[in-house]
Structures are given as C-alpha cells and as structure tokens.
PDB file of N, CA and C in Angstrom:
ATOM      1  N   MET A   1     -13.128  -5.996 -34.471  1.00  0.00           N
ATOM      2  CA  MET A   1     -12.063  -5.902 -33.358  1.00  0.00           C
ATOM      3  C   MET A   1     -11.634  -7.353 -32.849  1.00  0.00           C
ATOM      4  N   PRO A   2     -10.627  -7.041 -33.051  1.00  0.00           N
ATOM      5  CA  PRO A   2      -9.896  -8.517 -32.408  1.00  0.00           C
ATOM      6  C   PRO A   2      -9.816  -8.634 -31.115  1.00  0.00           C
ATOM      7  N   VAL A   3     -10.690 -10.243 -30.400  1.00  0.00           N
ATOM      8  CA  VAL A   3     -11.422 -10.226 -28.994  1.00  0.00           C
ATOM      9  C   VAL A   3     -10.166 -10.912 -28.394  1.00  0.00           C
ATOM     10  N   CYS A   4      -9.998 -10.425 -27.027  1.00  0.00           N
ATOM     11  CA  CYS A   4      -8.592 -10.750 -26.421  1.00  0.00           C
ATOM     12  C   CYS A   4      -8.887 -12.145 -25.745  1.00  0.00           C
ATOM     13  N   HIS A   5      -8.370 -13.335 -25.566  1.00  0.00           N
ATOM     14  CA  HIS A   5      -8.501 -14.276 -24.707  1.00  0.00           C
ATOM     15  C   HIS A   5      -8.127 -14.020 -23.723  1.00  0.00           C
ATOM     16  N   CYS A   6      -7.290 -13.338 -23.096  1.00  0.00           N
ATOM     17  CA  CYS A   6      -6.237 -14.098 -22.069  1.00  0.00           C
ATOM     18  C   CYS A   6      -7.185 -13.071 -20.870  1.00  0.00           C
ATOM     19  N   ARG A   7      -6.616 -14.010 -19.952  1.00  0.00           N
ATOM     20  CA  ARG A   7      -6.773 -14.164 -18.240  1.00  0.00           C
ATOM     21  C   ARG A   7      -6.101 -13.215 -17.690  1.00  0.00           C
ATOM     22  N   TYR A   8      -6.543 -12.500 -16.966  1.00  0.00           N
ATOM     23  CA  TYR A   8      -5.489 -12.030 -16.090  1.00  0.00           C
ATOM     24  C   TYR A   8      -5.638 -12.500 -14.779  1.00  0.00           C
ATOM     25  N   THR A   9      -5.090 -12.672 -13.923  1.00  0.00           N
ATOM     26  CA  THR A   9      -5.134 -13.579 -12.656  1.00  0.00           C
ATOM     27  C   THR A   9      -4.197 -13.060 -11.885  1.00  0.00           C
ATOM     28  N   LEU A  10      -3.895 -12.941 -10.391  1.00  0.00           N
ATOM     29  CA  LEU A  10      -3.268 -12.299  -9.290  1.00  0.00           C
ATOM     30  C   LEU A  10      -2.347 -12.946  -9.079  1.00  0.00           C
ATOM     31  N   ASP A  11      -2.029 -13.921 -10.048  1.00  0.00           N
ATOM     32  CA  ASP A  11      -1.005 -15.181  -9.590  1.00  0.00           C
ATOM     33  C   ASP A  11       0.034 -14.662 -10.807  1.00  0.00           C
ATOM     34  N   ARG A  12      -0.401 -14.260 -11.831  1.00  0.00           N
ATOM     35  CA  ARG A  12       0.290 -13.244 -12.981  1.00  0.00           C
ATOM     36  C   ARG A  12       0.921 -11.827 -12.614  1.00  0.00           C
ATOM     37  N   LEU A  13       0.793 -11.449 -11.037  1.00  0.00           N
ATOM     38  CA  LEU A  13       0.830 -10.301 -11.124  1.00  0.00           C
ATOM     39  C   LEU A  13       2.477  -9.727 -10.997  1.00  0.00           C
ATOM     40  N   PRO A  14       3.418 -10.874 -10.448  1.00  0.00           N
ATOM     41  CA  PRO A  14       4.700 -10.851 -10.133  1.00  0.00           C
ATOM     42  C   PRO A  14       5.768 -11.088 -11.978  1.00  0.00           C
ATOM     43  N   ILE A  15       4.987 -11.563 -12.281  1.00  0.00           N
ATOM     44  CA  ILE A  15       6.034 -11.733 -13.608  1.00  0.00           C
ATOM     45  C   ILE A  15       5.177 -10.591 -14.523  1.00  0.00           C
ATOM     46  N   ILE A  16       4.406  -9.959 -14.532  1.00  0.00           N
ATOM     47  CA  ILE A  16       4.071  -8.403 -14.919  1.00  0.00           C
ATOM     48  C   ILE A  16       4.678  -7.785 -14.754  1.00  0.00           C
ATOM     49  N   ALA A  17       5.000  -7.471 -13.296  1.00  0.00           N
ATOM     50  CA  ALA A  17       5.885  -6.378 -12.327  1.00  0.00           C
ATOM     51  C   ALA A  17       6.818  -6.110 -12.328  1.00  0.00           C
ATOM     52  N   LYS A  18       7.844  -7.972 -12.534  1.00  0.00           N
ATOM     53  CA  LYS A  18       8.704  -8.069 -12.380  1.00  0.00           C
ATOM     54  C   LYS A  18       9.586  -6.769 -13.650  1.00  0.00           C
ATOM     55  N   PRO A  19       9.448  -6.412 -14.506  1.00  0.00           N
ATOM     56  CA  PRO A  19      10.067  -5.212 -15.607  1.00  0.00           C
ATOM     57  C   PRO A  19      10.241  -4.008 -15.105  1.00  0.00           C
ATOM     58  N   ALA A  20       9.007  -3.941 -14.509  1.00  0.00           N
ATOM     59  CA  ALA A  20       9.056  -2.191 -13.610  1.00  0.00           C
ATOM     60  C   ALA A  20      10.137  -2.422 -12.921  1.00  0.00           C
ATOM     61  N   LEU A  21       9.701  -3.309 -12.069  1.00  0.00           N
ATOM     62  CA  LEU A  21      10.427  -3.482 -10.648  1.00  0.00           C
ATOM     63  C   LEU A  21      12.162  -3.143 -11.053  1.00  0.00           C
ATOM     64  N   ALA A  22      12.214  -4.362 -12.201  1.00  0.00           N
ATOM     65  CA  ALA A  22      14.172  -3.806 -12.669  1.00  0.00           C
ATOM     66  C   ALA A  22      14.336  -2.792 -12.838  1.00  0.00           C
ATOM     67  N   THR A  23      13.764  -2.082 -13.157  1.00  0.00           N
ATOM     68  CA  THR A  23      14.039  -0.967 -14.128  1.00  0.00           C
ATOM     69  C   THR A  23      14.025   0.376 -13.060  1.00  0.00           C
ATOM     70  N   ILE A  24      12.908   0.542 -12.454  1.00  0.00           N
ATOM     71  CA  ILE A  24      12.687   1.235 -11.337  1.00  0.00           C
ATOM     72  C   ILE A  24      13.410   0.999  -9.313  1.00  0.00           C
ATOM     73  N   GLY A  25      13.236   0.210  -9.561  1.00  0.00           N
ATOM     74  CA  GLY A  25      13.549  -0.611  -8.457  1.00  0.00           C
ATOM     75  C   GLY A  25      12.048  -0.755  -7.396  1.00  0.00           C
ATOM     76  N   ARG A  26      12.291  -1.132  -5.788  1.00  0.00           N
ATOM     77  CA  ARG A  26      10.989  -0.754  -5.245  1.00  0.00           C
ATOM     78  C   ARG A  26      10.340   0.768  -4.931  1.00  0.00           C
ATOM     79  N   PRO A  27       8.715   0.404  -5.077  1.00  0.00           N
ATOM     80  CA  PRO A  27       8.403   1.914  -5.133  1.00  0.00           C
ATOM     81  C   PRO A  27       8.833   2.226  -3.525  1.00  0.00           C
ATOM     82  N   ARG A  28       8.755   4.199  -3.429  1.00  0.00           N
ATOM     83  CA  ARG A  28       8.719   4.407  -1.544  1.00  0.00           C
ATOM     84  C   ARG A  28       7.680   4.017  -1.057  1.00  0.00           C
ATOM     85  N   VAL A  29       6.266   3.510  -1.676  1.00  0.00           N
ATOM     86  CA  VAL A  29       4.939   3.074  -1.011  1.00  0.00           C
ATOM     87  C   VAL A  29       4.593   2.033  -1.292  1.00  0.00           C
ATOM     88  N   ASP A  30       4.745   0.818  -0.698  1.00  0.00           N
ATOM     89  CA  ASP A  30       4.330  -0.742  -1.147  1.00  0.00           C
ATOM     90  C   ASP A  30       3.024  -1.178  -0.002  1.00  0.00           C
ATOM     91  N   TYR A  31       2.545  -1.717  -0.270  1.00  0.00           N
ATOM     92  CA  TYR A  31       1.323  -2.366  -0.058  1.00  0.00           C
ATOM     93  C   TYR A  31       0.691  -3.965   0.015  1.00  0.00           C
ATOM     94  N   SER A  32       0.629  -4.406   0.908  1.00  0.00           N
ATOM     95  CA  SER A  32       0.227  -5.964   0.341  1.00  0.00           C
ATOM     96  C   SER A  32      -0.575  -6.630  -0.252  1.00  0.00           C
ATOM     97  N   GLU A  33      -1.868  -5.202  -0.158  1.00  0.00           N
ATOM     98  CA  GLU A  33      -3.453  -5.836  -0.765  1.00  0.00           C
ATOM     99  C   GLU A  33      -3.145  -5.722  -2.446  1.00  0.00           C
ATOM    100  N   PRO A  34      -3.464  -6.760  -3.621  1.00  0.00           N
ATOM    101  CA  PRO A  34      -3.273  -6.493  -4.478  1.00  0.00           C
ATOM    102  C   PRO A  34      -4.805  -5.698  -5.472  1.00  0.00           C
ATOM    103  N   GLN A  35      -4.891  -5.431  -6.300  1.00  0.00           N
ATOM    104  CA  GLN A  35      -5.394  -4.469  -6.407  1.00  0.00           C
ATOM    105  C   GLN A  35      -5.890  -3.412  -5.942  1.00  0.00           C
ATOM    106  N   THR A  36      -4.649  -2.735  -5.178  1.00  0.00           N
ATOM    107  CA  THR A  36      -5.205  -1.259  -4.480  1.00  0.00           C
ATOM    108  C   THR A  36      -4.139  -0.269  -5.205  1.00  0.00           C
ATOM    109  N   GLU A  37      -4.556   1.066  -5.259  1.00  0.00           N
ATOM    110  CA  GLU A  37      -3.601   2.504  -5.757  1.00  0.00           C
ATOM    111  C   GLU A  37      -3.257   3.086  -4.460  1.00  0.00           C
ATOM    112  N   VAL A  38      -2.138   3.382  -4.509  1.00  0.00           N
ATOM    113  CA  VAL A  38      -1.482   4.102  -3.492  1.00  0.00           C
ATOM    114  C   VAL A  38      -1.060   5.168  -3.932  1.00  0.00           C
ATOM    115  N   GLY A  39      -1.206   6.725  -3.106  1.00  0.00           N
ATOM    116  CA  GLY A  39      -0.566   7.758  -3.455  1.00  0.00           C
ATOM    117  C   GLY A  39      -0.212   8.095  -2.155  1.00  0.00           C
ATOM    118  N   LEU A  40       1.715   9.172  -2.139  1.00  0.00           N
ATOM    119  CA  LEU A  40       2.001   9.459  -0.877  1.00  0.00           C
ATOM    120  C   LEU A  40       1.723  10.898  -1.378  1.00  0.00           C
ATOM    121  N   PHE A  41       1.663  11.793  -0.267  1.00  0.00           N
ATOM    122  CA  PHE A  41       1.941  13.429  -0.595  1.00  0.00           C
ATOM    123  C   PHE A  41       2.436  13.364   0.523  1.00  0.00           C
ATOM    124  N   GLU A  42       3.752  14.612   0.846  1.00  0.00           N
ATOM    125  CA  GLU A  42       4.103  15.052   2.158  1.00  0.00           C
ATOM    126  C   GLU A  42       4.227  16.426   2.046  1.00  0.00           C
ATOM    127  N   TYR A  43       4.462  17.115   3.422  1.00  0.00           N
ATOM    128  CA  TYR A  43       4.149  18.173   3.541  1.00  0.00           C
ATOM    129  C   TYR A  43       4.707  18.451   4.885  1.00  0.00           C
ATOM    130  N   LYS A  44       6.362  19.433   4.400  1.00  0.00           N
ATOM    131  CA  LYS A  44       6.774  19.245   5.762  1.00  0.00           C
ATOM    132  C   LYS A  44       7.428  18.489   6.424  1.00  0.00           C
ATOM    133  N   ASP A  45       6.793  17.778   8.028  1.00  0.00           N
ATOM    134  CA  ASP A  45       6.951  16.924   8.918  1.00  0.00           C
ATOM    135  C   ASP A  45       5.858  15.481   8.688  1.00  0.00           C
ATOM    136  N   THR A  46       4.561  15.956   7.559  1.00  0.00           N
ATOM    137  CA  THR A  46       3.725  15.102   7.860  1.00  0.00           C
ATOM    138  C   THR A  46       3.820  14.401   6.210  1.00  0.00           C
ATOM    139  N   ALA A  47       2.911  13.451   6.609  1.00  0.00           N
ATOM    140  CA  ALA A  47       2.960  12.541   5.135  1.00  0.00           C
ATOM    141  C   ALA A  47       1.655  12.010   5.242  1.00  0.00           C
ATOM    142  N   ALA A  48       0.885  11.488   3.989  1.00  0.00           N
ATOM    143  CA  ALA A  48      -0.480  10.940   3.808  1.00  0.00           C
ATOM    144  C   ALA A  48      -0.278   9.883   2.742  1.00  0.00           C
ATOM    145  N   ILE A  49      -0.622   9.048   2.730  1.00  0.00           N
ATOM    146  CA  ILE A  49      -1.250   8.054   2.023  1.00  0.00           C
ATOM    147  C   ILE A  49      -2.197   7.978   1.962  1.00  0.00           C
ATOM    148  N   THR A  50      -2.692   7.829   1.111  1.00  0.00           N
ATOM    149  CA  THR A  50      -4.314   7.430   0.314  1.00  0.00           C
ATOM    150  C   THR A  50      -3.794   6.309  -0.903  1.00  0.00           C
ATOM    151  N   ILE A  51      -5.373   5.324   0.038  1.00  0.00           N
ATOM    152  CA  ILE A  51      -5.241   3.821   0.085  1.00  0.00           C
ATOM    153  C   ILE A  51      -6.525   3.783  -1.015  1.00  0.00           C
ATOM    154  N   ASN A  52      -6.822   3.339  -2.080  1.00  0.00           N
ATOM    155  CA  ASN A  52      -7.964   3.285  -3.110  1.00  0.00           C
ATOM    156  C   ASN A  52      -8.112   1.589  -3.511  1.00  0.00           C
ATOM    157  N   LYS A  53      -9.096   0.931  -2.851  1.00  0.00           N
ATOM    158  CA  LYS A  53      -8.836  -0.232  -3.282  1.00  0.00           C
ATOM    159  C   LYS A  53     -10.125  -0.712  -3.842  1.00  0.00           C
ATOM    160  N   PHE A  54      -9.539  -1.714  -5.639  1.00  0.00           N
ATOM    161  CA  PHE A  54     -10.618  -1.706  -6.666  1.00  0.00           C
ATOM    162  C   PHE A  54     -11.301  -2.746  -6.253  1.00  0.00           C
ATOM    163  N   MET A  55     -11.428  -3.484  -5.839  1.00  0.00           N
ATOM    164  CA  MET A  55     -11.583  -5.089  -5.509  1.00  0.00           C
ATOM    165  C   MET A  55     -12.047  -4.962  -4.087  1.00  0.00           C
ATOM    166  N   GLY A  56     -13.021  -6.089  -3.535  1.00  0.00           N
ATOM    167  CA  GLY A  56     -12.332  -6.555  -2.337  1.00  0.00           C
ATOM    168  C   GLY A  56     -11.670  -7.673  -2.211  1.00  0.00           C
ATOM    169  N   SER A  57     -11.068  -8.042  -0.591  1.00  0.00           N
ATOM    170  CA  SER A  57     -10.493  -8.964  -0.529  1.00  0.00           C
ATOM    171  C   SER A  57     -10.796 -10.274  -1.178  1.00  0.00           C
ATOM    172  N   LEU A  58      -9.730 -10.431  -1.779  1.00  0.00           N
ATOM    173  CA  LEU A  58      -9.970 -12.095  -2.113  1.00  0.00           C
ATOM    174  C   LEU A  58     -10.011 -13.336  -1.013  1.00  0.00           C
ATOM    175  N   ASP A  59      -9.306 -12.996  -0.020  1.00  0.00           N
ATOM    176  CA  ASP A  59      -9.317 -14.032   1.094  1.00  0.00           C
ATOM    177  C   ASP A  59      -9.863 -13.331   1.841  1.00  0.00           C
ATOM    178  N   PRO A  60     -11.438 -13.188   2.334  1.00  0.00           N
ATOM    179  CA  PRO A  60     -12.089 -12.373   3.770  1.00  0.00           C
ATOM    180  C   PRO A  60     -11.343 -12.580   5.279  1.00  0.00           C
ATOM    181  N   ASN A  61     -10.799 -13.844   5.253  1.00  0.00           N
ATOM    182  CA  ASN A  61      -9.992 -14.268   6.379  1.00  0.00           C
ATOM    183  C   ASN A  61      -8.305 -14.104   6.469  1.00  0.00           C
ATOM    184  N   ALA A  62      -8.258 -13.155   5.445  1.00  0.00           N
ATOM    185  CA  ALA A  62      -6.588 -12.675   5.386  1.00  0.00           C
ATOM    186  C   ALA A  62      -6.190 -11.827   6.154  1.00  0.00           C
ATOM    187  N   GLY A  63      -6.761 -11.119   7.226  1.00  0.00           N
ATOM    188  CA  GLY A  63      -6.352 -10.281   8.069  1.00  0.00           C
ATOM    189  C   GLY A  63      -6.231  -8.743   7.647  1.00  0.00           C
ATOM    190  N   ASN A  64      -4.699  -8.493   8.533  1.00  0.00           N
ATOM    191  CA  ASN A  64      -4.006  -6.978   8.195  1.00  0.00           C
ATOM    192  C   ASN A  64      -3.464  -6.877   7.073  1.00  0.00           C
ATOM    193  N   ALA A  65      -2.898  -6.193   6.732  1.00  0.00           N
ATOM    194  CA  ALA A  65      -2.627  -5.491   5.635  1.00  0.00           C
ATOM    195  C   ALA A  65      -1.355  -4.740   5.932  1.00  0.00           C
ATOM    196  N   THR A  66      -0.213  -4.703   5.122  1.00  0.00           N
ATOM    197  CA  THR A  66       1.002  -4.113   5.380  1.00  0.00           C
ATOM    198  C   THR A  66       1.289  -3.054   4.281  1.00  0.00           C
ATOM    199  N   LEU A  67       1.302  -1.962   5.065  1.00  0.00           N
ATOM    200  CA  LEU A  67       1.783  -0.732   4.491  1.00  0.00           C
ATOM    201  C   LEU A  67       3.247  -0.121   4.992  1.00  0.00           C
ATOM    202  N   SER A  68       4.245   0.132   4.072  1.00  0.00           N
ATOM    203  CA  SER A  68       5.542   0.122   4.135  1.00  0.00           C
ATOM    204  C   SER A  68       5.719   1.710   3.004  1.00  0.00           C
ATOM    205  N   ILE A  69       5.962   2.996   3.773  1.00  0.00           N
ATOM    206  CA  ILE A  69       6.611   3.668   3.345  1.00  0.00           C
ATOM    207  C   ILE A  69       8.210   4.284   3.501  1.00  0.00           C
ATOM    208  N   GLN A  70       8.731   4.947   2.640  1.00  0.00           N
ATOM    209  CA  GLN A  70      10.273   5.183   2.829  1.00  0.00           C
ATOM    210  C   GLN A  70       9.869   6.443   2.945  1.00  0.00           C
ATOM    211  N   THR A  71      10.693   6.680   4.310  1.00  0.00           N
ATOM    212  CA  THR A  71      10.880   8.083   4.476  1.00  0.00           C
ATOM    213  C   THR A  71      12.077   8.652   5.521  1.00  0.00           C
ATOM    214  N   PRO A  72      12.053   9.703   5.168  1.00  0.00           N
ATOM    215  CA  PRO A  72      13.226  10.438   6.910  1.00  0.00           C
ATOM    216  C   PRO A  72      12.509  10.921   7.759  1.00  0.00           C
ATOM    217  N   LEU A  73      11.244  10.534   7.587  1.00  0.00           N
ATOM    218  CA  LEU A  73      10.544  11.420   8.382  1.00  0.00           C
ATOM    219  C   LEU A  73      10.673  10.843  10.254  1.00  0.00           C
ATOM    220  N   GLN A  74      10.630  11.681  10.887  1.00  0.00           N
ATOM    221  CA  GLN A  74      10.876  11.434  12.471  1.00  0.00           C
ATOM    222  C   GLN A  74       9.280  11.088  13.160  1.00  0.00           C
ATOM    223  N   VAL A  75       8.449  10.257  12.711  1.00  0.00           N
ATOM    224  CA  VAL A  75       7.166   9.760  12.840  1.00  0.00           C
ATOM    225  C   VAL A  75       7.398   9.496  14.482  1.00  0.00           C
ATOM    226  N   LYS A  76       5.854  10.051  15.121  1.00  0.00           N
ATOM    227  CA  LYS A  76       5.570   9.957  16.538  1.00  0.00           C
ATOM    228  C   LYS A  76       4.502   9.363  16.321  1.00  0.00           C
ATOM    229  N   GLU A  77       3.695   9.371  15.160  1.00  0.00           N
ATOM    230  CA  GLU A  77       2.405   8.929  15.329  1.00  0.00           C
ATOM    231  C   GLU A  77       1.490   8.192  14.123  1.00  0.00           C
ATOM    232  N   VAL A  78       1.125   6.980  14.290  1.00  0.00           N
ATOM    233  CA  VAL A  78       0.296   6.921  12.517  1.00  0.00           C
ATOM    234  C   VAL A  78      -0.662   6.631  12.977  1.00  0.00           C
ATOM    235  N   PHE A  79      -1.813   6.757  11.721  1.00  0.00           N
ATOM    236  CA  PHE A  79      -3.390   6.794  12.039  1.00  0.00           C
ATOM    237  C   PHE A  79      -3.974   6.685  11.223  1.00  0.00           C
ATOM    238  N   SER A  80      -4.785   6.371  10.882  1.00  0.00           N
ATOM    239  CA  SER A  80      -5.697   6.220   9.764  1.00  0.00           C
ATOM    240  C   SER A  80      -7.066   6.621  10.064  1.00  0.00           C
ATOM    241  N   THR A  81      -7.626   7.648   8.619  1.00  0.00           N
ATOM    242  CA  THR A  81      -9.006   7.854   8.872  1.00  0.00           C
ATOM    243  C   THR A  81     -10.198   6.958   9.292  1.00  0.00           C
ATOM    244  N   LEU A  82     -10.106   5.591   9.153  1.00  0.00           N
ATOM    245  CA  LEU A  82     -11.231   4.127   9.499  1.00  0.00           C
ATOM    246  C   LEU A  82     -10.650   3.638  10.684  1.00  0.00           C
ATOM    247  N   ALA A  83      -9.466   3.520  10.658  1.00  0.00           N
ATOM    248  CA  ALA A  83      -9.227   2.806  11.761  1.00  0.00           C
ATOM    249  C   ALA A  83      -8.598   3.665  13.075  1.00  0.00           C
ATOM    250  N   GLY A  84      -8.259   4.821  12.987  1.00  0.00           N
ATOM    251  CA  GLY A  84      -7.697   5.416  13.948  1.00  0.00           C
ATOM    252  C   GLY A  84      -6.162   5.059  14.345  1.00  0.00           C
ATOM    253  N   HIS A  85      -5.565   4.995  15.305  1.00  0.00           N
ATOM    254  CA  HIS A  85      -4.067   4.899  15.610  1.00  0.00           C
ATOM    255  C   HIS A  85      -3.499   3.278  14.704  1.00  0.00           C
ATOM    256  N   LEU A  86      -2.296   3.407  14.471  1.00  0.00           N
ATOM    257  CA  LEU A  86      -2.107   1.703  14.122  1.00  0.00           C
ATOM    258  C   LEU A  86      -0.721   1.255  14.382  1.00  0.00           C
ATOM    259  N   PRO A  87      -0.413   0.055  15.008  1.00  0.00           N
ATOM    260  CA  PRO A  87       1.043   0.114  15.283  1.00  0.00           C
ATOM    261  C   PRO A  87       2.331  -0.168  14.358  1.00  0.00           C
ATOM    262  N   TRP A  88       2.974   0.589  14.664  1.00  0.00           N
ATOM    263  CA  TRP A  88       3.789   0.658  13.022  1.00  0.00           C
ATOM    264  C   TRP A  88       5.280   0.641  14.027  1.00  0.00           C
ATOM    265  N   LYS A  89       6.343   0.309  12.872  1.00  0.00           N
ATOM    266  CA  LYS A  89       8.038   0.408  13.499  1.00  0.00           C
ATOM    267  C   LYS A  89       8.861   1.001  12.490  1.00  0.00           C
ATOM    268  N   ARG A  90       9.591   1.430  12.648  1.00  0.00           N
ATOM    269  CA  ARG A  90      10.714   1.913  11.866  1.00  0.00           C
ATOM    270  C   ARG A  90      11.838   0.689  11.704  1.00  0.00           C
ATOM    271  N   GLU A  91      11.845   0.381  10.379  1.00  0.00           N
ATOM    272  CA  GLU A  91      12.918  -0.910   9.738  1.00  0.00           C
ATOM    273  C   GLU A  91      13.573   0.017   8.528  1.00  0.00           C
ATOM    274  N   GLY A  92      14.519   0.492   8.970  1.00  0.00           N
ATOM    275  CA  GLY A  92      15.830   0.917   8.523  1.00  0.00           C
ATOM    276  C   GLY A  92      14.963   2.749   7.656  1.00  0.00           C
ATOM    277  N   ASP A  93      15.142   2.915   6.385  1.00  0.00           N
ATOM    278  CA  ASP A  93      14.193   3.758   6.257  1.00  0.00           C
ATOM    279  C   ASP A  93      13.045   3.886   5.769  1.00  0.00           C
ATOM    280  N   ARG A  94      12.476   2.687   6.774  1.00  0.00           N
ATOM    281  CA  ARG A  94      11.000   2.816   5.944  1.00  0.00           C
ATOM    282  C   ARG A  94      10.054   2.481   7.104  1.00  0.00           C
ATOM    283  N   ILE A  95       8.530   3.328   7.328  1.00  0.00           N
ATOM    284  CA  ILE A  95       8.118   2.781   8.019  1.00  0.00           C
ATOM    285  C   ILE A  95       7.015   2.146   7.765  1.00  0.00           C
ATOM    286  N   VAL A  96       6.553   0.878   8.925  1.00  0.00           N
ATOM    287  CA  VAL A  96       5.859  -0.204   8.143  1.00  0.00           C
ATOM    288  C   VAL A  96       4.666  -0.330   9.032  1.00  0.00           C
ATOM    289  N   ILE A  97       3.835  -0.568   8.636  1.00  0.00           N
ATOM    290  CA  ILE A  97       2.415  -0.604   9.262  1.00  0.00           C
ATOM    291  C   ILE A  97       1.595  -1.136   9.166  1.00  0.00           C
ATOM    292  N   ASP A  98       1.511  -2.009  10.145  1.00  0.00           N
ATOM    293  CA  ASP A  98       0.078  -2.916  10.144  1.00  0.00           C
ATOM    294  C   ASP A  98      -1.202  -2.782  10.627  1.00  0.00           C
ATOM    295  N   MET A  99      -2.222  -3.057   9.318  1.00  0.00           N
ATOM    296  CA  MET A  99      -3.214  -1.990   9.046  1.00  0.00           C
ATOM    297  C   MET A  99      -4.725  -3.153   8.715  1.00  0.00           C
ATOM    298  N   PRO A 100      -5.688  -3.094   9.158  1.00  0.00           N
ATOM    299  CA  PRO A 100      -6.708  -3.344   8.786  1.00  0.00           C
ATOM    300  C   PRO A 100      -7.200  -2.919   7.236  1.00  0.00           C
ATOM    301  N   PRO A 101      -7.329  -3.551   6.077  1.00  0.00           N
ATOM    302  CA  PRO A 101      -7.494  -3.522   4.723  1.00  0.00           C
ATOM    303  C   PRO A 101      -8.799  -2.478   4.918  1.00  0.00           C
ATOM    304  N   PRO A 102      -8.752  -1.477   4.048  1.00  0.00           N
ATOM    305  CA  PRO A 102     -10.075  -0.548   4.053  1.00  0.00           C
ATOM    306  C   PRO A 102     -10.900  -1.379   2.781  1.00  0.00           C
ATOM    307  N   VAL A 103     -12.745  -1.557   2.941  1.00  0.00           N
ATOM    308  CA  VAL A 103     -13.363  -2.067   2.339  1.00  0.00           C
ATOM    309  C   VAL A 103     -13.282  -1.051   0.771  1.00  0.00           C
ATOM    310  N   SER A 104     -13.344   0.234   0.754  1.00  0.00           N
ATOM    311  CA  SER A 104     -12.546   1.092  -0.599  1.00  0.00           C
ATOM    312  C   SER A 104     -11.735   2.073  -0.300  1.00  0.00           C
ATOM    313  N   VAL A 105     -11.920   2.923   0.494  1.00  0.00           N
ATOM    314  CA  VAL A 105     -10.966   4.131   0.223  1.00  0.00           C
ATOM    315  C   VAL A 105     -10.184   4.241   1.967  1.00  0.00           C
ATOM    316  N   ASP A 106      -9.410   4.564   1.863  1.00  0.00           N
ATOM    317  CA  ASP A 106      -9.001   4.955   3.584  1.00  0.00           C
ATOM    318  C   ASP A 106      -7.476   6.197   3.185  1.00  0.00           C
ATOM    319  N   VAL A 107      -7.210   6.952   4.562  1.00  0.00           N
ATOM    320  CA  VAL A 107      -5.881   7.611   4.073  1.00  0.00           C
ATOM    321  C   VAL A 107      -5.352   7.611   5.789  1.00  0.00           C
ATOM    322  N   VAL A 108      -3.838   6.856   5.293  1.00  0.00           N
ATOM    323  CA  VAL A 108      -3.263   7.158   6.870  1.00  0.00           C
ATOM    324  C   VAL A 108      -2.182   8.187   6.654  1.00  0.00           C
ATOM    325  N   ILE A 109      -2.084   8.813   7.832  1.00  0.00           N
ATOM    326  CA  ILE A 109      -1.717   9.842   7.888  1.00  0.00           C
ATOM    327  C   ILE A 109      -0.070   9.556   9.181  1.00  0.00           C
ATOM    328  N   LEU A 110       0.933  10.243   8.885  1.00  0.00           N
ATOM    329  CA  LEU A 110       2.388  10.450   9.795  1.00  0.00           C
ATOM    330  C   LEU A 110       2.630  11.276  10.027  1.00  0.00           C
ATOM    331  N   ARG A 111       2.903  11.489  10.765  1.00  0.00           N
ATOM    332  CA  ARG A 111       3.454  13.051  11.529  1.00  0.00           C
ATOM    333  C   ARG A 111       3.982  12.346  13.483  1.00  0.00           C
TER     334      ARG A 111
END
C-alpha cells in the first residue's frame, strides 16, 4: 500500500475549502474554530446548533469563538448547554454569537 507523505496543516484549510465554497457559497452555519463540526436543527421558532470539537484549541489564549447562523427566526434569546446565556447580535440575515469554545461538545439554542 502506498504511503502518503503529505502533511495537513490548518494554514492549508482555505486552499482546500476554496473549491467547495466557490461552488456552494457560504454555509448557513459558520464557526470560527477549525476542526469543529457544526450541525443546524430547526423546528418551528427554535434552532439548535450542535458543536463537536475534534481537537483542543491550537492557541489556549485565543479567547472566544464566533458562531454565525443564517436564519429568518425572530430570535429573543441565545444560550448554550455549557455557558448559559450568550451575547448575540443580528447582522443582516445572520445571528452572530460570541461564545467560549467548548472543550469537546456543546449545543447552542436560539429561540
């Protein structure tokens, strides 16, 4: 079996993601922390975003992360299962949330 001598580094992420972003555009959910999976679930006037972090922060002093969700919901409050109520603002068709990155898994609720 051939051995791959390639080395993935986070600075290559924009190059890898560029073709997909050019084709499908900006995703409905953006999260500023790399190597994190986010999932959006919507039901009536509520949305939930799961955040699954696959590895620890590359910079432990990096501070908060930014979660951005494209939604027409009339949001009144935002909270996470780990951090409680979170500061947020509407920017056009998006809700932008400033939050501490979870160590592994968190769920953010918009209602």
